[in-house]
Amino acid sequence: MKKMTCKELDGVCDTEITGETPEEMGENAANHAMSVNDEAHQAKMKEMGEMQKDPEVVKKWMDDFRAKFDSLPDA
């Protein structure tokens, strides 16, 4: 299990997000953002949605995220 904060995942708060894999952590981060339902999280989700329209940007973000995830110690 690894953990990062919402901010470390390009989010807006200090809530800890955990996951066994990068995909699980990403899913947990998305679930967190949807459950908080405040203006800051909604704006970030909209920004991430816009980013997903460009496959090159998505690939770079995912590569960077996987590298960060892989460098984390097990919690």
Protein backbone atom coordinates (compact mmCIF):
# COMPACT_ATOMS: atom_id res chain seq x y z
CA MET A 1 0.00 0.00 0.00
CA LYS A 2 1.32 3.44 -0.93
CA LYS A 3 -0.06 6.84 -0.09
CA MET A 4 0.02 10.37 -1.43
CA THR A 5 -2.00 13.45 -0.61
CA CYS A 6 -4.63 14.82 -2.91
CA LYS A 7 -2.24 17.77 -3.56
CA GLU A 8 0.59 15.40 -4.49
CA LEU A 9 -1.78 13.94 -7.06
CA ASP A 10 -2.32 17.44 -8.55
CA GLY A 11 -5.39 17.92 -6.37
CA VAL A 12 -6.29 20.64 -3.91
CA CYS A 13 -6.26 19.27 -0.35
CA ASP A 14 -4.19 17.29 2.14
CA THR A 15 -6.43 14.20 2.29
CA GLU A 16 -4.39 10.99 2.08
CA ILE A 17 -5.10 8.78 -0.91
CA THR A 18 -3.91 5.17 -0.84
CA GLY A 19 -3.54 2.38 -3.34
CA GLU A 20 -1.74 -0.88 -4.06
CA THR A 21 -1.25 0.09 -7.72
CA PRO A 22 -1.13 3.39 -9.62
CA GLU A 23 -4.51 2.55 -11.12
CA GLU A 24 -6.08 1.90 -7.71
CA MET A 25 -4.65 5.12 -6.33
CA GLY A 26 -5.96 7.03 -9.34
CA GLU A 27 -9.41 5.54 -8.89
CA ASN A 28 -9.37 6.34 -5.16
CA ALA A 29 -8.29 9.92 -5.94
CA ALA A 30 -11.16 10.33 -8.41
CA ASN A 31 -13.63 8.90 -5.90
CA HIS A 32 -12.31 11.31 -3.27
CA ALA A 33 -12.69 14.32 -5.56
CA MET A 34 -16.25 13.33 -6.48
CA SER A 35 -17.24 12.71 -2.87
CA VAL A 36 -15.97 16.05 -1.54
CA ASN A 37 -18.06 17.97 -4.08
CA ASP A 38 -16.65 21.42 -3.30
CA GLU A 39 -15.78 24.14 -5.79
CA ALA A 40 -12.00 23.58 -5.67
CA HIS A 41 -12.25 19.84 -6.32
CA GLN A 42 -14.87 20.34 -9.04
CA ALA A 43 -12.64 22.87 -10.80
CA LYS A 44 -9.69 20.46 -10.66
CA MET A 45 -11.85 17.63 -12.02
CA LYS A 46 -12.93 19.86 -14.90
CA GLU A 47 -9.28 20.72 -15.58
CA MET A 48 -8.34 17.03 -15.56
CA GLY A 49 -11.24 16.30 -17.92
CA GLU A 50 -9.94 18.91 -20.36
CA MET A 51 -6.44 17.42 -20.09
CA GLN A 52 -7.81 14.02 -21.12
CA LYS A 53 -8.73 15.40 -24.54
CA ASP A 54 -5.03 15.41 -25.47
CA PRO A 55 -3.52 11.89 -25.51
CA GLU A 56 0.05 13.23 -25.39
CA VAL A 57 -0.67 15.22 -22.22
CA VAL A 58 -2.39 12.21 -20.64
CA LYS A 59 0.56 9.96 -21.47
CA LYS A 60 3.06 12.42 -19.93
CA TRP A 61 0.91 12.85 -16.80
CA MET A 62 0.54 9.07 -16.40
CA ASP A 63 4.26 8.46 -16.94
CA ASP A 64 5.09 11.10 -14.32
CA PHE A 65 2.48 9.72 -11.91
CA ARG A 66 3.73 6.12 -12.29
CA ALA A 67 7.30 7.29 -11.62
CA LYS A 68 6.15 9.13 -8.47
CA PHE A 69 4.12 6.10 -7.35
CA ASP A 70 7.02 3.70 -7.93
CA SER A 71 9.36 5.91 -5.89
CA LEU A 72 7.05 5.90 -2.84
CA PRO A 73 7.86 3.67 0.13
CA ASP A 74 5.27 1.11 1.13
CA ALA A 75 3.04 2.51 3.85
